[in-house]
Every structure is written in C-alpha cells, then in structure tokens.
PDB file of N, CA and C in Angstrom:
ATOM      1  N   MET A   1     -27.042  -5.908  34.576  1.00  0.00           N
ATOM      2  CA  MET A   1     -26.336  -5.541  35.877  1.00  0.00           C
ATOM      3  C   MET A   1     -27.201  -4.506  36.597  1.00  0.00           C
ATOM      4  N   ALA A   2     -27.222  -4.649  37.826  1.00  0.00           N
ATOM      5  CA  ALA A   2     -28.023  -3.713  38.709  1.00  0.00           C
ATOM      6  C   ALA A   2     -27.652  -2.386  38.820  1.00  0.00           C
ATOM      7  N   VAL A   3     -28.593  -1.455  38.805  1.00  0.00           N
ATOM      8  CA  VAL A   3     -28.333  -0.015  38.863  1.00  0.00           C
ATOM      9  C   VAL A   3     -28.087   0.263  40.395  1.00  0.00           C
ATOM     10  N   THR A   4     -27.116   1.163  40.564  1.00  0.00           N
ATOM     11  CA  THR A   4     -26.772   1.504  41.946  1.00  0.00           C
ATOM     12  C   THR A   4     -27.371   3.020  42.268  1.00  0.00           C
ATOM     13  N   ALA A   5     -27.436   3.361  43.564  1.00  0.00           N
ATOM     14  CA  ALA A   5     -27.990   4.625  44.025  1.00  0.00           C
ATOM     15  C   ALA A   5     -26.962   5.725  43.445  1.00  0.00           C
ATOM     16  N   ASN A   6     -25.617   5.337  43.398  1.00  0.00           N
ATOM     17  CA  ASN A   6     -24.696   6.228  42.865  1.00  0.00           C
ATOM     18  C   ASN A   6     -25.012   6.703  41.452  1.00  0.00           C
ATOM     19  N   GLU A   7     -25.396   5.733  40.601  1.00  0.00           N
ATOM     20  CA  GLU A   7     -25.703   5.941  39.160  1.00  0.00           C
ATOM     21  C   GLU A   7     -26.931   6.906  39.028  1.00  0.00           C
ATOM     22  N   VAL A   8     -27.863   6.612  39.978  1.00  0.00           N
ATOM     23  CA  VAL A   8     -29.236   7.519  39.942  1.00  0.00           C
ATOM     24  C   VAL A   8     -28.788   8.845  40.370  1.00  0.00           C
ATOM     25  N   ALA A   9     -27.943   9.045  41.428  1.00  0.00           N
ATOM     26  CA  ALA A   9     -27.499  10.359  41.798  1.00  0.00           C
ATOM     27  C   ALA A   9     -26.677  11.071  40.786  1.00  0.00           C
ATOM     28  N   GLU A  10     -25.819  10.286  40.018  1.00  0.00           N
ATOM     29  CA  GLU A  10     -25.080  10.896  38.946  1.00  0.00           C
ATOM     30  C   GLU A  10     -26.026  11.445  37.843  1.00  0.00           C
ATOM     31  N   TRP A  11     -27.076  10.660  37.539  1.00  0.00           N
ATOM     32  CA  TRP A  11     -28.018  11.148  36.444  1.00  0.00           C
ATOM     33  C   TRP A  11     -28.705  12.389  37.049  1.00  0.00           C
ATOM     34  N   MET A  12     -29.009  12.462  38.262  1.00  0.00           N
ATOM     35  CA  MET A  12     -29.716  13.625  38.779  1.00  0.00           C
ATOM     36  C   MET A  12     -28.757  14.874  38.670  1.00  0.00           C
ATOM     37  N   MET A  13     -27.441  14.615  39.001  1.00  0.00           N
ATOM     38  CA  MET A  13     -26.516  15.759  38.837  1.00  0.00           C
ATOM     39  C   MET A  13     -26.393  16.151  37.497  1.00  0.00           C
ATOM     40  N   GLU A  14     -26.335  15.265  36.472  1.00  0.00           N
ATOM     41  CA  GLU A  14     -26.164  15.722  35.023  1.00  0.00           C
ATOM     42  C   GLU A  14     -27.365  16.478  34.564  1.00  0.00           C
ATOM     43  N   GLN A  15     -28.653  16.103  35.072  1.00  0.00           N
ATOM     44  CA  GLN A  15     -29.825  16.938  34.780  1.00  0.00           C
ATOM     45  C   GLN A  15     -29.765  18.301  35.370  1.00  0.00           C
ATOM     46  N   LEU A  16     -29.290  18.416  36.569  1.00  0.00           N
ATOM     47  CA  LEU A  16     -29.124  19.639  37.247  1.00  0.00           C
ATOM     48  C   LEU A  16     -28.145  20.590  36.488  1.00  0.00           C
ATOM     49  N   LYS A  17     -27.004  19.976  36.142  1.00  0.00           N
ATOM     50  CA  LYS A  17     -25.971  20.644  35.387  1.00  0.00           C
ATOM     51  C   LYS A  17     -26.423  21.144  34.117  1.00  0.00           C
ATOM     52  N   SER A  18     -27.121  20.384  33.304  1.00  0.00           N
ATOM     53  CA  SER A  18     -27.585  20.759  31.864  1.00  0.00           C
ATOM     54  C   SER A  18     -28.703  21.705  31.956  1.00  0.00           C
ATOM     55  N   ALA A  19     -29.794  21.571  32.847  1.00  0.00           N
ATOM     56  CA  ALA A  19     -30.882  22.374  32.850  1.00  0.00           C
ATOM     57  C   ALA A  19     -30.832  23.520  33.936  1.00  0.00           C
ATOM     58  N   GLY A  20     -30.017  23.360  34.937  1.00  0.00           N
ATOM     59  CA  GLY A  20     -29.867  24.371  35.937  1.00  0.00           C
ATOM     60  C   GLY A  20     -30.986  24.242  37.037  1.00  0.00           C
ATOM     61  N   ILE A  21     -31.881  23.191  36.811  1.00  0.00           N
ATOM     62  CA  ILE A  21     -32.978  22.939  37.774  1.00  0.00           C
ATOM     63  C   ILE A  21     -33.378  21.413  37.660  1.00  0.00           C
ATOM     64  N   LEU A  22     -33.808  20.989  38.668  1.00  0.00           N
ATOM     65  CA  LEU A  22     -34.277  19.541  38.612  1.00  0.00           C
ATOM     66  C   LEU A  22     -35.498  19.468  39.502  1.00  0.00           C
ATOM     67  N   HIS A  23     -36.680  19.232  38.852  1.00  0.00           N
ATOM     68  CA  HIS A  23     -37.965  19.088  39.467  1.00  0.00           C
ATOM     69  C   HIS A  23     -38.143  17.723  40.058  1.00  0.00           C
ATOM     70  N   GLN A  24     -38.506  17.648  41.257  1.00  0.00           N
ATOM     71  CA  GLN A  24     -38.575  16.205  41.977  1.00  0.00           C
ATOM     72  C   GLN A  24     -39.670  15.336  41.123  1.00  0.00           C
ATOM     73  N   LYS A  25     -40.801  15.887  40.755  1.00  0.00           N
ATOM     74  CA  LYS A  25     -41.780  15.033  40.009  1.00  0.00           C
ATOM     75  C   LYS A  25     -41.225  14.351  38.732  1.00  0.00           C
ATOM     76  N   GLU A  26     -40.502  15.306  37.976  1.00  0.00           N
ATOM     77  CA  GLU A  26     -39.787  14.709  36.639  1.00  0.00           C
ATOM     78  C   GLU A  26     -38.801  13.734  37.030  1.00  0.00           C
ATOM     79  N   ALA A  27     -38.039  13.971  37.975  1.00  0.00           N
ATOM     80  CA  ALA A  27     -36.964  13.077  38.419  1.00  0.00           C
ATOM     81  C   ALA A  27     -37.505  11.830  38.964  1.00  0.00           C
ATOM     82  N   VAL A  28     -38.551  11.838  39.715  1.00  0.00           N
ATOM     83  CA  VAL A  28     -39.181  10.558  40.260  1.00  0.00           C
ATOM     84  C   VAL A  28     -39.709   9.706  39.054  1.00  0.00           C
ATOM     85  N   ASP A  29     -40.365  10.418  38.134  1.00  0.00           N
ATOM     86  CA  ASP A  29     -40.953   9.652  36.966  1.00  0.00           C
ATOM     87  C   ASP A  29     -39.882   8.990  36.153  1.00  0.00           C
ATOM     88  N   TYR A  30     -38.838   9.707  35.847  1.00  0.00           N
ATOM     89  CA  TYR A  30     -37.660   9.273  35.132  1.00  0.00           C
ATOM     90  C   TYR A  30     -37.067   8.086  35.898  1.00  0.00           C
ATOM     91  N   ILE A  31     -36.832   8.265  37.123  1.00  0.00           N
ATOM     92  CA  ILE A  31     -36.079   7.212  37.956  1.00  0.00           C
ATOM     93  C   ILE A  31     -36.905   5.901  37.952  1.00  0.00           C
ATOM     94  N   ILE A  32     -38.220   6.026  38.129  1.00  0.00           N
ATOM     95  CA  ILE A  32     -39.114   4.808  38.064  1.00  0.00           C
ATOM     96  C   ILE A  32     -39.001   4.177  36.711  1.00  0.00           C
ATOM     97  N   GLN A  33     -39.067   4.941  35.673  1.00  0.00           N
ATOM     98  CA  GLN A  33     -39.028   4.372  34.392  1.00  0.00           C
ATOM     99  C   GLN A  33     -37.667   3.728  33.936  1.00  0.00           C
ATOM    100  N   HIS A  34     -36.651   4.358  34.266  1.00  0.00           N
ATOM    101  CA  HIS A  34     -35.281   4.042  33.848  1.00  0.00           C
ATOM    102  C   HIS A  34     -34.400   3.244  34.836  1.00  0.00           C
ATOM    103  N   PHE A  35     -34.639   3.462  36.120  1.00  0.00           N
ATOM    104  CA  PHE A  35     -33.761   2.842  37.180  1.00  0.00           C
ATOM    105  C   PHE A  35     -34.589   1.903  38.034  1.00  0.00           C
ATOM    106  N   GLY A  36     -35.866   2.091  38.203  1.00  0.00           N
ATOM    107  CA  GLY A  36     -36.667   1.160  39.021  1.00  0.00           C
ATOM    108  C   GLY A  36     -37.241   1.775  40.238  1.00  0.00           C
ATOM    109  N   GLU A  37     -38.316   1.185  40.683  1.00  0.00           N
ATOM    110  CA  GLU A  37     -38.979   1.785  41.870  1.00  0.00           C
ATOM    111  C   GLU A  37     -38.264   1.608  43.227  1.00  0.00           C
ATOM    112  N   SER A  38     -37.168   0.814  43.218  1.00  0.00           N
ATOM    113  CA  SER A  38     -36.446   0.763  44.532  1.00  0.00           C
ATOM    114  C   SER A  38     -35.880   1.951  44.901  1.00  0.00           C
ATOM    115  N   PHE A  39     -35.701   2.942  44.095  1.00  0.00           N
ATOM    116  CA  PHE A  39     -35.043   4.241  44.446  1.00  0.00           C
ATOM    117  C   PHE A  39     -36.106   5.219  44.856  1.00  0.00           C
ATOM    118  N   ILE A  40     -37.342   4.755  44.937  1.00  0.00           N
ATOM    119  CA  ILE A  40     -38.466   5.755  45.210  1.00  0.00           C
ATOM    120  C   ILE A  40     -39.133   5.204  46.457  1.00  0.00           C
ATOM    121  N   TYR A  41     -39.596   6.112  47.365  1.00  0.00           N
ATOM    122  CA  TYR A  41     -40.510   5.689  48.421  1.00  0.00           C
ATOM    123  C   TYR A  41     -41.629   6.743  48.601  1.00  0.00           C
ATOM    124  N   VAL A  42     -42.703   6.493  49.361  1.00  0.00           N
ATOM    125  CA  VAL A  42     -43.727   7.397  49.529  1.00  0.00           C
ATOM    126  C   VAL A  42     -43.541   8.015  50.935  1.00  0.00           C
ATOM    127  N   ASN A  43     -43.384   9.373  50.814  1.00  0.00           N
ATOM    128  CA  ASN A  43     -43.077  10.195  52.121  1.00  0.00           C
ATOM    129  C   ASN A  43     -44.176  10.347  52.915  1.00  0.00           C
ATOM    130  N   GLU A  44     -44.063  10.981  54.104  1.00  0.00           N
ATOM    131  CA  GLU A  44     -45.127  11.235  55.034  1.00  0.00           C
ATOM    132  C   GLU A  44     -46.353  11.991  54.538  1.00  0.00           C
ATOM    133  N   ASN A  45     -46.062  12.807  53.466  1.00  0.00           N
ATOM    134  CA  ASN A  45     -47.247  13.566  52.906  1.00  0.00           C
ATOM    135  C   ASN A  45     -47.970  12.645  51.723  1.00  0.00           C
ATOM    136  N   GLY A  46     -47.485  11.435  51.604  1.00  0.00           N
ATOM    137  CA  GLY A  46     -48.190  10.601  50.628  1.00  0.00           C
ATOM    138  C   GLY A  46     -47.655  10.884  49.209  1.00  0.00           C
ATOM    139  N   ASN A  47     -46.623  11.509  49.080  1.00  0.00           N
ATOM    140  CA  ASN A  47     -45.967  11.797  47.772  1.00  0.00           C
ATOM    141  C   ASN A  47     -44.919  10.918  47.393  1.00  0.00           C
ATOM    142  N   GLN A  48     -44.652  10.575  46.154  1.00  0.00           N
ATOM    143  CA  GLN A  48     -43.431   9.840  45.792  1.00  0.00           C
ATOM    144  C   GLN A  48     -42.217  10.634  45.976  1.00  0.00           C
ATOM    145  N   ALA A  49     -41.146  10.137  46.554  1.00  0.00           N
ATOM    146  CA  ALA A  49     -39.946  10.899  46.738  1.00  0.00           C
ATOM    147  C   ALA A  49     -38.712   9.950  46.501  1.00  0.00           C
ATOM    148  N   ILE A  50     -37.587  10.726  46.225  1.00  0.00           N
ATOM    149  CA  ILE A  50     -36.301   9.925  45.810  1.00  0.00           C
ATOM    150  C   ILE A  50     -35.724   9.374  47.204  1.00  0.00           C
ATOM    151  N   SER A  51     -35.210   8.117  47.143  1.00  0.00           N
ATOM    152  CA  SER A  51     -34.762   7.502  48.390  1.00  0.00           C
ATOM    153  C   SER A  51     -33.565   8.418  48.947  1.00  0.00           C
ATOM    154  N   LYS A  52     -33.493   8.139  50.343  1.00  0.00           N
ATOM    155  CA  LYS A  52     -32.549   8.899  51.075  1.00  0.00           C
ATOM    156  C   LYS A  52     -31.082   8.612  50.678  1.00  0.00           C
ATOM    157  N   ASP A  53     -30.839   7.374  50.335  1.00  0.00           N
ATOM    158  CA  ASP A  53     -29.495   7.028  49.883  1.00  0.00           C
ATOM    159  C   ASP A  53     -29.129   7.742  48.636  1.00  0.00           C
ATOM    160  N   VAL A  54     -30.018   7.827  47.620  1.00  0.00           N
ATOM    161  CA  VAL A  54     -29.747   8.570  46.467  1.00  0.00           C
ATOM    162  C   VAL A  54     -29.437  10.074  46.734  1.00  0.00           C
ATOM    163  N   LYS A  55     -30.391  10.642  47.627  1.00  0.00           N
ATOM    164  CA  LYS A  55     -30.200  12.093  47.963  1.00  0.00           C
ATOM    165  C   LYS A  55     -28.938  12.339  48.704  1.00  0.00           C
ATOM    166  N   LYS A  56     -28.538  11.367  49.549  1.00  0.00           N
ATOM    167  CA  LYS A  56     -27.313  11.528  50.148  1.00  0.00           C
ATOM    168  C   LYS A  56     -26.021  11.677  49.262  1.00  0.00           C
ATOM    169  N   ILE A  57     -26.064  10.713  48.359  1.00  0.00           N
ATOM    170  CA  ILE A  57     -25.069  10.724  47.269  1.00  0.00           C
ATOM    171  C   ILE A  57     -25.061  12.005  46.407  1.00  0.00           C
ATOM    172  N   PHE A  58     -26.310  12.426  46.054  1.00  0.00           N
ATOM    173  CA  PHE A  58     -26.465  13.703  45.173  1.00  0.00           C
ATOM    174  C   PHE A  58     -25.963  14.780  45.925  1.00  0.00           C
ATOM    175  N   LYS A  59     -26.189  14.877  47.189  1.00  0.00           N
ATOM    176  CA  LYS A  59     -25.761  16.023  48.034  1.00  0.00           C
ATOM    177  C   LYS A  59     -24.227  16.133  48.089  1.00  0.00           C
ATOM    178  N   LYS A  60     -23.640  14.921  48.167  1.00  0.00           N
ATOM    179  CA  LYS A  60     -22.167  14.771  48.129  1.00  0.00           C
ATOM    180  C   LYS A  60     -21.689  15.279  46.773  1.00  0.00           C
ATOM    181  N   LEU A  61     -22.245  14.901  45.772  1.00  0.00           N
ATOM    182  CA  LEU A  61     -21.880  15.216  44.285  1.00  0.00           C
ATOM    183  C   LEU A  61     -21.979  16.741  44.073  1.00  0.00           C
ATOM    184  N   HIS A  62     -23.098  17.390  44.532  1.00  0.00           N
ATOM    185  CA  HIS A  62     -23.110  18.959  44.300  1.00  0.00           C
ATOM    186  C   HIS A  62     -22.385  19.625  45.319  1.00  0.00           C
ATOM    187  N   GLY A  63     -21.965  18.963  46.415  1.00  0.00           N
ATOM    188  CA  GLY A  63     -21.201  19.685  47.494  1.00  0.00           C
ATOM    189  C   GLY A  63     -21.707  20.945  47.955  1.00  0.00           C
ATOM    190  N   GLY A  64     -23.078  20.953  48.207  1.00  0.00           N
ATOM    191  CA  GLY A  64     -23.657  22.192  48.759  1.00  0.00           C
ATOM    192  C   GLY A  64     -23.925  23.306  47.748  1.00  0.00           C
ATOM    193  N   LYS A  65     -23.632  23.083  46.525  1.00  0.00           N
ATOM    194  CA  LYS A  65     -23.799  24.222  45.524  1.00  0.00           C
ATOM    195  C   LYS A  65     -25.302  24.233  44.931  1.00  0.00           C
ATOM    196  N   ALA A  66     -26.070  23.245  45.314  1.00  0.00           N
ATOM    197  CA  ALA A  66     -27.514  23.138  44.947  1.00  0.00           C
ATOM    198  C   ALA A  66     -28.349  23.207  46.188  1.00  0.00           C
ATOM    199  N   ALA A  67     -29.531  23.834  46.049  1.00  0.00           N
ATOM    200  CA  ALA A  67     -30.409  23.932  47.144  1.00  0.00           C
ATOM    201  C   ALA A  67     -31.734  23.384  46.732  1.00  0.00           C
ATOM    202  N   TRP A  68     -32.471  22.753  47.744  1.00  0.00           N
ATOM    203  CA  TRP A  68     -33.815  22.286  47.622  1.00  0.00           C
ATOM    204  C   TRP A  68     -34.777  23.480  47.816  1.00  0.00           C
ATOM    205  N   GLU A  69     -35.609  23.674  46.892  1.00  0.00           N
ATOM    206  CA  GLU A  69     -36.579  24.770  46.948  1.00  0.00           C
ATOM    207  C   GLU A  69     -37.851  24.065  47.349  1.00  0.00           C
ATOM    208  N   ARG A  70     -38.298  24.194  48.599  1.00  0.00           N
ATOM    209  CA  ARG A  70     -39.353  23.469  49.259  1.00  0.00           C
ATOM    210  C   ARG A  70     -40.779  23.871  48.508  1.00  0.00           C
ATOM    211  N   ASP A  71     -40.900  25.137  48.310  1.00  0.00           N
ATOM    212  CA  ASP A  71     -42.245  25.600  47.728  1.00  0.00           C
ATOM    213  C   ASP A  71     -42.342  25.103  46.308  1.00  0.00           C
ATOM    214  N   GLY A  72     -41.233  24.966  45.506  1.00  0.00           N
ATOM    215  CA  GLY A  72     -41.471  24.564  44.261  1.00  0.00           C
ATOM    216  C   GLY A  72     -41.150  23.178  43.908  1.00  0.00           C
ATOM    217  N   PHE A  73     -40.714  22.488  44.907  1.00  0.00           N
ATOM    218  CA  PHE A  73     -40.345  20.973  44.764  1.00  0.00           C
ATOM    219  C   PHE A  73     -39.244  20.707  43.788  1.00  0.00           C
ATOM    220  N   PHE A  74     -38.146  21.472  43.810  1.00  0.00           N
ATOM    221  CA  PHE A  74     -37.070  21.245  42.762  1.00  0.00           C
ATOM    222  C   PHE A  74     -35.661  21.685  43.445  1.00  0.00           C
ATOM    223  N   TRP A  75     -34.689  21.259  42.843  1.00  0.00           N
ATOM    224  CA  TRP A  75     -33.349  21.617  43.297  1.00  0.00           C
ATOM    225  C   TRP A  75     -32.871  22.617  42.208  1.00  0.00           C
ATOM    226  N   GLY A  76     -32.049  23.568  42.661  1.00  0.00           N
ATOM    227  CA  GLY A  76     -31.463  24.607  41.712  1.00  0.00           C
ATOM    228  C   GLY A  76     -30.146  25.107  42.301  1.00  0.00           C
ATOM    229  N   TRP A  77     -29.411  25.686  41.581  1.00  0.00           N
ATOM    230  CA  TRP A  77     -28.072  26.222  42.015  1.00  0.00           C
ATOM    231  C   TRP A  77     -28.364  27.487  42.936  1.00  0.00           C
ATOM    232  N   HIS A  78     -27.547  27.559  43.998  1.00  0.00           N
ATOM    233  CA  HIS A  78     -27.616  28.761  44.731  1.00  0.00           C
ATOM    234  C   HIS A  78     -26.313  29.399  44.943  1.00  0.00           C
TER     235      HIS A  78
END
C-alpha cells in the first residue's frame, strides 16, 4: 500500500511530540529510507527538503504550536 503525505506528517508529529525537537536533516534521511524520495525535493539552496504537501499537513497537525527555527534547521515547540 502506498504511503501518503498524511502518514509522513503524522510520523513527523510523533517525533516532535516524543523528542520535543525535529531536525530537518534527520527527518529527511528517515523519510527517504522509510517512506520514499517522493516526499523530498531539492530546494533553492540545493538542500534536500520535505515536500510542501507534507509540511502543510504537519502544520495543520501541530496547529501553530511548533515553530521552524531557521538558524538551526529544526522544528520545536514555542
């Protein structure tokens, strides 16, 4: 059965809940290995990033309770 963007976003949410922080690099590596490269793209800086569809669902799941820390490339509670 094919994995959905929703499942990837739910995994991200679980990681954030359990660790309190979610580093993009670790999330990207895990997503590629366990969910597939279709959920990853190369951004304008040449870095691998999580697809906009997944991030949109992830944002809906955390309801604004998590923030992206641009300098550290991670999400954390705020």
